[in-house]
PDB file of all heavy atoms in Angstrom:
ATOM      1  N   SER A   1      94.059  56.193  -7.735  1.00  0.00           N
ATOM      2  CA  SER A   1      95.375  55.799  -8.206  1.00  0.00           C
ATOM      3  C   SER A   1      96.442  55.604  -7.035  1.00  0.00           C
ATOM      4  O   SER A   1      97.523  55.219  -7.213  1.00  0.00           O
ATOM      5  CB  SER A   1      95.923  56.757  -9.289  1.00  0.00           C
ATOM      6  OG  SER A   1      96.022  57.983  -8.700  1.00  0.00           O
ATOM      7  N   SER A   2      96.062  56.224  -5.975  1.00  0.00           N
ATOM      8  CA  SER A   2      97.076  56.089  -4.793  1.00  0.00           C
ATOM      9  C   SER A   2      96.742  54.832  -3.982  1.00  0.00           C
ATOM     10  O   SER A   2      95.658  54.442  -3.833  1.00  0.00           O
ATOM     11  CB  SER A   2      96.880  57.381  -3.941  1.00  0.00           C
ATOM     12  OG  SER A   2      97.495  57.316  -2.708  1.00  0.00           O
ATOM     13  N   ALA A   3      97.841  54.455  -3.466  1.00  0.00           N
ATOM     14  CA  ALA A   3      97.783  53.043  -2.508  1.00  0.00           C
ATOM     15  C   ALA A   3      96.916  53.555  -1.305  1.00  0.00           C
ATOM     16  O   ALA A   3      96.195  52.579  -0.824  1.00  0.00           O
ATOM     17  CB  ALA A   3      99.196  52.677  -2.131  1.00  0.00           C
ATOM     18  N   LEU A   4      97.058  54.648  -0.848  1.00  0.00           N
ATOM     19  CA  LEU A   4      96.234  55.082   0.340  1.00  0.00           C
ATOM     20  C   LEU A   4      94.802  55.163   0.065  1.00  0.00           C
ATOM     21  O   LEU A   4      93.972  54.740   0.942  1.00  0.00           O
ATOM     22  CB  LEU A   4      96.681  56.357   0.897  1.00  0.00           C
ATOM     23  CG  LEU A   4      98.186  56.450   1.343  1.00  0.00           C
ATOM     24  CD1 LEU A   4      98.538  57.955   1.799  1.00  0.00           C
ATOM     25  CD2 LEU A   4      98.333  55.581   2.677  1.00  0.00           C
ATOM     26  N   ALA A   5      94.481  55.595  -1.147  1.00  0.00           N
ATOM     27  CA  ALA A   5      93.081  55.689  -1.545  1.00  0.00           C
ATOM     28  C   ALA A   5      92.368  54.319  -1.751  1.00  0.00           C
ATOM     29  O   ALA A   5      91.175  54.116  -1.454  1.00  0.00           O
ATOM     30  CB  ALA A   5      92.887  56.430  -2.863  1.00  0.00           C
ATOM     31  N   THR A   6      93.170  53.390  -2.225  1.00  0.00           N
ATOM     32  CA  THR A   6      92.647  52.077  -2.331  1.00  0.00           C
ATOM     33  C   THR A   6      92.737  51.132  -1.112  1.00  0.00           C
ATOM     34  O   THR A   6      92.120  50.047  -1.110  1.00  0.00           O
ATOM     35  CB  THR A   6      93.417  51.315  -3.527  1.00  0.00           C
ATOM     36  OG1 THR A   6      94.751  51.167  -3.172  1.00  0.00           O
ATOM     37  CG2 THR A   6      93.224  52.102  -4.943  1.00  0.00           C
ATOM     38  N   GLY A   7      93.400  51.597  -0.152  1.00  0.00           N
ATOM     39  CA  GLY A   7      93.522  50.853   1.134  1.00  0.00           C
ATOM     40  C   GLY A   7      94.573  49.708   0.992  1.00  0.00           C
ATOM     41  O   GLY A   7      94.632  48.860   1.929  1.00  0.00           O
ATOM     42  N   ARG A   8      95.311  49.647  -0.046  1.00  0.00           N
ATOM     43  CA  ARG A   8      96.376  48.584  -0.200  1.00  0.00           C
ATOM     44  C   ARG A   8      97.578  48.981   0.387  1.00  0.00           C
ATOM     45  O   ARG A   8      98.126  50.035   0.192  1.00  0.00           O
ATOM     46  CB  ARG A   8      96.585  48.432  -1.694  1.00  0.00           C
ATOM     47  CG  ARG A   8      95.472  47.768  -2.484  1.00  0.00           C
ATOM     48  CD  ARG A   8      95.873  47.401  -3.918  1.00  0.00           C
ATOM     49  NE  ARG A   8      97.022  46.605  -3.928  1.00  0.00           N
ATOM     50  CZ  ARG A   8      97.771  46.411  -4.977  1.00  0.00           C
ATOM     51  NH1 ARG A   8      97.586  47.190  -6.093  1.00  0.00           N
ATOM     52  NH2 ARG A   8      98.920  45.629  -4.987  1.00  0.00           N
ATOM     53  N   ALA A   9      98.240  48.191   1.125  1.00  0.00           N
ATOM     54  CA  ALA A   9      99.465  48.371   1.772  1.00  0.00           C
ATOM     55  C   ALA A   9     100.574  47.545   1.093  1.00  0.00           C
ATOM     56  O   ALA A   9     101.741  47.631   1.416  1.00  0.00           O
ATOM     57  CB  ALA A   9      99.437  47.964   3.271  1.00  0.00           C
ATOM     58  N   ASP A  10     100.311  46.609   0.326  1.00  0.00           N
ATOM     59  CA  ASP A  10     101.135  45.792  -0.319  1.00  0.00           C
ATOM     60  C   ASP A  10     101.902  46.434  -1.639  1.00  0.00           C
ATOM     61  O   ASP A  10     101.207  47.382  -2.181  1.00  0.00           O
ATOM     62  CB  ASP A  10     100.585  44.455  -0.855  1.00  0.00           C
ATOM     63  CG  ASP A  10     100.084  43.614   0.154  1.00  0.00           C
ATOM     64  OD1 ASP A  10     100.602  43.675   1.268  1.00  0.00           O
ATOM     65  OD2 ASP A  10      99.157  42.912  -0.076  1.00  0.00           O
ATOM     66  N   ALA A  11     103.059  45.977  -1.970  1.00  0.00           N
ATOM     67  CA  ALA A  11     103.631  46.609  -3.204  1.00  0.00           C
ATOM     68  C   ALA A  11     103.020  45.986  -4.315  1.00  0.00           C
ATOM     69  O   ALA A  11     102.469  44.949  -4.301  1.00  0.00           O
ATOM     70  CB  ALA A  11     105.125  46.279  -3.079  1.00  0.00           C
ATOM     71  N   PRO A  12     103.114  46.704  -5.610  1.00  0.00           N
ATOM     72  CA  PRO A  12     102.546  46.016  -6.715  1.00  0.00           C
ATOM     73  C   PRO A  12     103.224  44.672  -6.999  1.00  0.00           C
ATOM     74  O   PRO A  12     104.439  44.485  -6.973  1.00  0.00           O
ATOM     75  CB  PRO A  12     102.901  46.939  -7.946  1.00  0.00           C
ATOM     76  CG  PRO A  12     103.058  48.334  -7.122  1.00  0.00           C
ATOM     77  CD  PRO A  12     103.602  47.933  -5.710  1.00  0.00           C
ATOM     78  N   GLY A  13     102.439  43.619  -7.437  1.00  0.00           N
ATOM     79  CA  GLY A  13     103.002  42.336  -7.681  1.00  0.00           C
ATOM     80  C   GLY A  13     103.170  41.470  -6.422  1.00  0.00           C
ATOM     81  O   GLY A  13     103.775  40.433  -6.426  1.00  0.00           O
ATOM     82  N   ALA A  14     102.728  41.956  -5.209  1.00  0.00           N
ATOM     83  CA  ALA A  14     102.828  41.212  -3.990  1.00  0.00           C
ATOM     84  C   ALA A  14     102.196  39.931  -4.063  1.00  0.00           C
ATOM     85  O   ALA A  14     101.203  39.638  -4.823  1.00  0.00           O
ATOM     86  CB  ALA A  14     102.154  42.022  -2.865  1.00  0.00           C
ATOM     87  N   PRO A  15     102.600  38.876  -3.459  1.00  0.00           N
ATOM     88  CA  PRO A  15     103.585  38.921  -2.383  1.00  0.00           C
ATOM     89  C   PRO A  15     105.016  38.828  -2.840  1.00  0.00           C
ATOM     90  O   PRO A  15     105.901  39.077  -2.037  1.00  0.00           O
ATOM     91  CB  PRO A  15     103.280  37.642  -1.584  1.00  0.00           C
ATOM     92  CG  PRO A  15     102.847  36.552  -2.546  1.00  0.00           C
ATOM     93  CD  PRO A  15     102.134  37.504  -3.592  1.00  0.00           C
ATOM     94  N   GLY A  16     105.295  38.696  -4.121  1.00  0.00           N
ATOM     95  CA  GLY A  16     106.715  38.556  -4.617  1.00  0.00           C
ATOM     96  C   GLY A  16     107.292  37.301  -4.339  1.00  0.00           C
ATOM     97  O   GLY A  16     106.822  36.286  -3.844  1.00  0.00           O
ATOM     98  N   VAL A  17     108.635  37.366  -4.610  1.00  0.00           N
ATOM     99  CA  VAL A  17     109.458  36.045  -4.467  1.00  0.00           C
ATOM    100  C   VAL A  17     110.025  36.113  -3.090  1.00  0.00           C
ATOM    101  O   VAL A  17     110.525  37.177  -2.583  1.00  0.00           O
ATOM    102  CB  VAL A  17     110.454  35.937  -5.562  1.00  0.00           C
ATOM    103  CG1 VAL A  17     111.434  34.867  -5.348  1.00  0.00           C
ATOM    104  CG2 VAL A  17     109.852  36.098  -6.978  1.00  0.00           C
ATOM    105  N   ALA A  18     110.139  34.921  -2.450  1.00  0.00           N
ATOM    106  CA  ALA A  18     110.728  34.768  -1.108  1.00  0.00           C
ATOM    107  C   ALA A  18     112.136  35.106  -1.166  1.00  0.00           C
ATOM    108  O   ALA A  18     112.750  34.774  -2.180  1.00  0.00           O
ATOM    109  CB  ALA A  18     110.435  33.368  -0.580  1.00  0.00           C
ATOM    110  N   SER A  19     112.689  35.616  -0.194  1.00  0.00           N
ATOM    111  CA  SER A  19     114.214  36.003  -0.030  1.00  0.00           C
ATOM    112  C   SER A  19     115.001  34.642   0.038  1.00  0.00           C
ATOM    113  O   SER A  19     114.542  33.730   0.752  1.00  0.00           O
ATOM    114  CB  SER A  19     114.342  36.748   1.208  1.00  0.00           C
ATOM    115  OG  SER A  19     115.851  36.843   1.366  1.00  0.00           O
ATOM    116  N   ASP A  20     116.051  34.663  -0.617  1.00  0.00           N
ATOM    117  CA  ASP A  20     116.920  33.529  -0.636  1.00  0.00           C
ATOM    118  C   ASP A  20     118.205  33.711   0.094  1.00  0.00           C
ATOM    119  O   ASP A  20     119.125  32.930  -0.022  1.00  0.00           O
ATOM    120  CB  ASP A  20     117.162  32.945  -1.989  1.00  0.00           C
ATOM    121  CG  ASP A  20     117.949  33.739  -2.818  1.00  0.00           C
ATOM    122  OD1 ASP A  20     118.089  35.008  -2.452  1.00  0.00           O
ATOM    123  OD2 ASP A  20     118.400  33.373  -3.945  1.00  0.00           O
ATOM    124  N   TRP A  21     118.306  34.731   0.893  1.00  0.00           N
ATOM    125  CA  TRP A  21     119.504  35.154   1.628  1.00  0.00           C
ATOM    126  C   TRP A  21     119.484  34.384   2.907  1.00  0.00           C
ATOM    127  O   TRP A  21     118.410  34.402   3.662  1.00  0.00           O
ATOM    128  CB  TRP A  21     119.539  36.682   1.811  1.00  0.00           C
ATOM    129  CG  TRP A  21     119.815  37.308   0.545  1.00  0.00           C
ATOM    130  CD1 TRP A  21     118.878  37.880  -0.221  1.00  0.00           C
ATOM    131  CD2 TRP A  21     121.044  37.501  -0.325  1.00  0.00           C
ATOM    132  NE1 TRP A  21     119.364  38.534  -1.343  1.00  0.00           N
ATOM    133  CE2 TRP A  21     120.689  38.140  -1.458  1.00  0.00           C
ATOM    134  CE3 TRP A  21     122.302  36.942   0.019  1.00  0.00           C
ATOM    135  CZ2 TRP A  21     121.636  38.463  -2.390  1.00  0.00           C
ATOM    136  CZ3 TRP A  21     123.224  37.201  -1.045  1.00  0.00           C
ATOM    137  CH2 TRP A  21     122.957  37.887  -2.125  1.00  0.00           C
ATOM    138  N   VAL A  22     120.655  34.018   3.391  1.00  0.00           N
ATOM    139  CA  VAL A  22     120.753  33.514   4.809  1.00  0.00           C
ATOM    140  C   VAL A  22     121.155  34.605   5.687  1.00  0.00           C
ATOM    141  O   VAL A  22     121.567  35.571   5.240  1.00  0.00           O
ATOM    142  CB  VAL A  22     121.705  32.267   4.722  1.00  0.00           C
ATOM    143  CG1 VAL A  22     121.123  31.165   3.901  1.00  0.00           C
ATOM    144  CG2 VAL A  22     123.161  32.583   4.367  1.00  0.00           C
ATOM    145  N   THR A  23     121.152  34.277   6.997  1.00  0.00           N
ATOM    146  CA  THR A  23     121.441  35.260   7.875  1.00  0.00           C
ATOM    147  C   THR A  23     122.941  35.704   7.804  1.00  0.00           C
ATOM    148  O   THR A  23     123.819  34.967   7.410  1.00  0.00           O
ATOM    149  CB  THR A  23     121.110  34.754   9.380  1.00  0.00           C
ATOM    150  OG1 THR A  23     121.555  35.691  10.379  1.00  0.00           O
ATOM    151  CG2 THR A  23     122.029  33.618   9.645  1.00  0.00           C
ATOM    152  N   GLY A  24     123.145  36.965   8.192  1.00  0.00           N
ATOM    153  CA  GLY A  24     124.603  37.429   8.157  1.00  0.00           C
ATOM    154  C   GLY A  24     125.278  37.170   9.463  1.00  0.00           C
ATOM    155  O   GLY A  24     126.406  37.381   9.552  1.00  0.00           O
ATOM    156  N   ASP A  25     124.659  36.476  10.332  1.00  0.00           N
ATOM    157  CA  ASP A  25     125.307  36.289  11.660  1.00  0.00           C
ATOM    158  C   ASP A  25     126.145  34.874  11.362  1.00  0.00           C
ATOM    159  O   ASP A  25     125.671  33.850  11.780  1.00  0.00           O
ATOM    160  CB  ASP A  25     124.188  35.947  12.712  1.00  0.00           C
ATOM    161  CG  ASP A  25     124.732  35.742  14.119  1.00  0.00           C
ATOM    162  OD1 ASP A  25     125.974  36.058  14.401  1.00  0.00           O
ATOM    163  OD2 ASP A  25     124.198  35.181  14.917  1.00  0.00           O
ATOM    164  N   LYS A  26     127.366  34.999  10.908  1.00  0.00           N
ATOM    165  CA  LYS A  26     128.187  33.887  10.623  1.00  0.00           C
ATOM    166  C   LYS A  26     129.182  33.733  11.964  1.00  0.00           C
ATOM    167  O   LYS A  26     129.580  34.441  12.558  1.00  0.00           O
ATOM    168  CB  LYS A  26     129.167  34.164   9.412  1.00  0.00           C
ATOM    169  CG  LYS A  26     128.307  34.614   8.208  1.00  0.00           C
ATOM    170  CD  LYS A  26     127.663  33.409   7.781  1.00  0.00           C
ATOM    171  CE  LYS A  26     126.813  33.807   6.319  1.00  0.00           C
ATOM    172  NZ  LYS A  26     125.519  33.255   6.215  1.00  0.00           N
ATOM    173  N   ALA A  27     129.276  32.291  12.011  1.00  0.00           N
ATOM    174  CA  ALA A  27     130.178  31.894  13.168  1.00  0.00           C
ATOM    175  C   ALA A  27     131.597  31.668  12.609  1.00  0.00           C
ATOM    176  O   ALA A  27     132.667  31.540  13.284  1.00  0.00           O
ATOM    177  CB  ALA A  27     129.736  30.491  13.741  1.00  0.00           C
ATOM    178  N   GLY A  28     131.803  31.489  11.136  1.00  0.00           N
ATOM    179  CA  GLY A  28     133.141  31.132  10.585  1.00  0.00           C
ATOM    180  C   GLY A  28     133.136  31.290   9.150  1.00  0.00           C
ATOM    181  O   GLY A  28     132.005  31.330   8.476  1.00  0.00           O
ATOM    182  N   PHE A  29     134.175  31.512   8.734  1.00  0.00           N
ATOM    183  CA  PHE A  29     134.468  31.577   7.213  1.00  0.00           C
ATOM    184  C   PHE A  29     135.775  30.938   6.879  1.00  0.00           C
ATOM    185  O   PHE A  29     136.810  31.101   7.621  1.00  0.00           O
ATOM    186  CB  PHE A  29     134.549  33.038   6.775  1.00  0.00           C
ATOM    187  CG  PHE A  29     134.724  33.359   5.286  1.00  0.00           C
ATOM    188  CD1 PHE A  29     133.696  33.336   4.480  1.00  0.00           C
ATOM    189  CD2 PHE A  29     135.997  33.415   4.694  1.00  0.00           C
ATOM    190  CE1 PHE A  29     133.802  33.551   3.195  1.00  0.00           C
ATOM    191  CE2 PHE A  29     136.066  33.751   3.408  1.00  0.00           C
ATOM    192  CZ  PHE A  29     135.060  33.721   2.651  1.00  0.00           C
ATOM    193  N   GLY A  30     135.906  30.061   5.766  1.00  0.00           N
ATOM    194  CA  GLY A  30     137.047  29.417   5.550  1.00  0.00           C
ATOM    195  C   GLY A  30     137.354  28.878   4.015  1.00  0.00           C
ATOM    196  O   GLY A  30     136.384  29.138   3.285  1.00  0.00           O
ATOM    197  N   THR A  31     138.430  28.362   3.884  1.00  0.00           N
ATOM    198  CA  THR A  31     138.775  27.940   2.589  1.00  0.00           C
ATOM    199  C   THR A  31     139.871  26.867   2.983  1.00  0.00           C
ATOM    200  O   THR A  31     140.247  26.599   4.059  1.00  0.00           O
ATOM    201  CB  THR A  31     139.255  29.028   1.601  1.00  0.00           C
ATOM    202  OG1 THR A  31     139.413  28.418   0.357  1.00  0.00           O
ATOM    203  CG2 THR A  31     140.619  29.661   2.127  1.00  0.00           C
ATOM    204  N   ALA A  32     140.409  26.214   1.841  1.00  0.00           N
ATOM    205  CA  ALA A  32     141.477  25.218   1.902  1.00  0.00           C
ATOM    206  C   ALA A  32     142.796  25.895   2.439  1.00  0.00           C
ATOM    207  O   ALA A  32     142.886  27.088   2.220  1.00  0.00           O
ATOM    208  CB  ALA A  32     141.700  24.553   0.653  1.00  0.00           C
ATOM    209  N   ARG A  33     143.729  25.114   2.865  1.00  0.00           N
ATOM    210  CA  ARG A  33     144.906  25.718   3.314  1.00  0.00           C
ATOM    211  C   ARG A  33     145.841  26.134   2.179  1.00  0.00           C
ATOM    212  O   ARG A  33     146.588  27.074   2.250  1.00  0.00           O
ATOM    213  CB  ARG A  33     145.705  24.692   4.162  1.00  0.00           C
ATOM    214  CG  ARG A  33     145.127  24.539   5.593  1.00  0.00           C
ATOM    215  CD  ARG A  33     145.742  23.456   6.271  1.00  0.00           C
ATOM    216  NE  ARG A  33     146.993  24.037   6.761  1.00  0.00           N
ATOM    217  CZ  ARG A  33     147.867  23.400   7.582  1.00  0.00           C
ATOM    218  NH1 ARG A  33     147.499  22.367   8.064  1.00  0.00           N
ATOM    219  NH2 ARG A  33     149.054  24.056   7.843  1.00  0.00           N
ATOM    220  N   GLY A  34     145.777  25.511   1.063  1.00  0.00           N
ATOM    221  CA  GLY A  34     146.553  25.882  -0.062  1.00  0.00           C
ATOM    222  C   GLY A  34     145.969  27.028  -0.898  1.00  0.00           C
ATOM    223  O   GLY A  34     144.798  27.454  -0.761  1.00  0.00           O
ATOM    224  N   THR A  35     146.755  27.724  -1.714  1.00  0.00           N
ATOM    225  CA  THR A  35     146.407  28.886  -2.461  1.00  0.00           C
ATOM    226  C   THR A  35     145.705  28.496  -3.782  1.00  0.00           C
ATOM    227  O   THR A  35     145.133  29.281  -4.405  1.00  0.00           O
ATOM    228  CB  THR A  35     147.572  29.708  -2.846  1.00  0.00           C
ATOM    229  OG1 THR A  35     148.483  29.006  -3.438  1.00  0.00           O
ATOM    230  CG2 THR A  35     148.119  30.200  -1.529  1.00  0.00           C
ATOM    231  N   ALA A  36     145.753  27.257  -4.114  1.00  0.00           N
ATOM    232  CA  ALA A  36     145.066  26.708  -5.408  1.00  0.00           C
ATOM    233  C   ALA A  36     143.585  26.582  -5.349  1.00  0.00           C
ATOM    234  O   ALA A  36     142.819  26.468  -6.416  1.00  0.00           O
ATOM    235  CB  ALA A  36     145.697  25.481  -5.868  1.00  0.00           C
ATOM    236  N   SER A  37     142.996  26.421  -4.198  1.00  0.00           N
ATOM    237  CA  SER A  37     141.558  26.202  -4.021  1.00  0.00           C
ATOM    238  C   SER A  37     140.742  27.486  -4.392  1.00  0.00           C
ATOM    239  O   SER A  37     141.095  28.634  -4.023  1.00  0.00           O
ATOM    240  CB  SER A  37     141.311  25.936  -2.529  1.00  0.00           C
ATOM    241  OG  SER A  37     139.876  25.823  -2.348  1.00  0.00           O
ATOM    242  N   LYS A  38     139.626  27.206  -4.961  1.00  0.00           N
ATOM    243  CA  LYS A  38     138.710  28.265  -5.348  1.00  0.00           C
ATOM    244  C   LYS A  38     137.369  27.952  -4.709  1.00  0.00           C
ATOM    245  O   LYS A  38     136.377  28.438  -5.217  1.00  0.00           O
ATOM    246  CB  LYS A  38     138.445  28.297  -6.900  1.00  0.00           C
ATOM    247  CG  LYS A  38     139.713  28.712  -7.732  1.00  0.00           C
ATOM    248  CD  LYS A  38     139.364  28.959  -9.164  1.00  0.00           C
ATOM    249  CE  LYS A  38     140.676  29.421  -9.822  1.00  0.00           C
ATOM    250  NZ  LYS A  38     140.397  29.656 -11.243  1.00  0.00           N
ATOM    251  N   VAL A  39     137.386  27.366  -3.562  1.00  0.00           N
ATOM    252  CA  VAL A  39     136.221  27.108  -2.819  1.00  0.00           C
ATOM    253  C   VAL A  39     136.336  27.704  -1.402  1.00  0.00           C
ATOM    254  O   VAL A  39     137.399  27.641  -0.706  1.00  0.00           O
ATOM    255  CB  VAL A  39     135.988  25.564  -2.604  1.00  0.00           C
ATOM    256  CG1 VAL A  39     134.755  25.248  -1.778  1.00  0.00           C
ATOM    257  CG2 VAL A  39     135.899  24.814  -3.926  1.00  0.00           C
ATOM    258  N   TRP A  40     135.219  28.502  -1.069  1.00  0.00           N
ATOM    259  CA  TRP A  40     135.274  29.138   0.257  1.00  0.00           C
ATOM    260  C   TRP A  40     133.906  28.743   0.933  1.00  0.00           C
ATOM    261  O   TRP A  40     132.925  28.296   0.110  1.00  0.00           O
ATOM    262  CB  TRP A  40     135.225  30.702   0.062  1.00  0.00           C
ATOM    263  CG  TRP A  40     136.511  31.172  -0.536  1.00  0.00           C
ATOM    264  CD1 TRP A  40     137.646  31.534   0.114  1.00  0.00           C
ATOM    265  CD2 TRP A  40     136.769  31.260  -1.845  1.00  0.00           C
ATOM    266  NE1 TRP A  40     138.601  31.864  -0.803  1.00  0.00           N
ATOM    267  CE2 TRP A  40     138.065  31.823  -2.043  1.00  0.00           C
ATOM    268  CE3 TRP A  40     135.998  31.158  -3.074  1.00  0.00           C
ATOM    269  CZ2 TRP A  40     138.658  32.208  -3.319  1.00  0.00           C
ATOM    270  CZ3 TRP A  40     136.614  31.387  -4.338  1.00  0.00           C
ATOM    271  CH2 TRP A  40     137.907  31.956  -4.427  1.00  0.00           C
TER     272      TRP A  40
END
């Protein structure tokens, strides 16, 4: 019943869903000049 006993290194349900996050290394962040914009 142990992962070590079965030789499995994967988590249950592996391989799972691929990550959809982009890198955190951003070069810039912006929005419109006016205050009415809700887009960034």
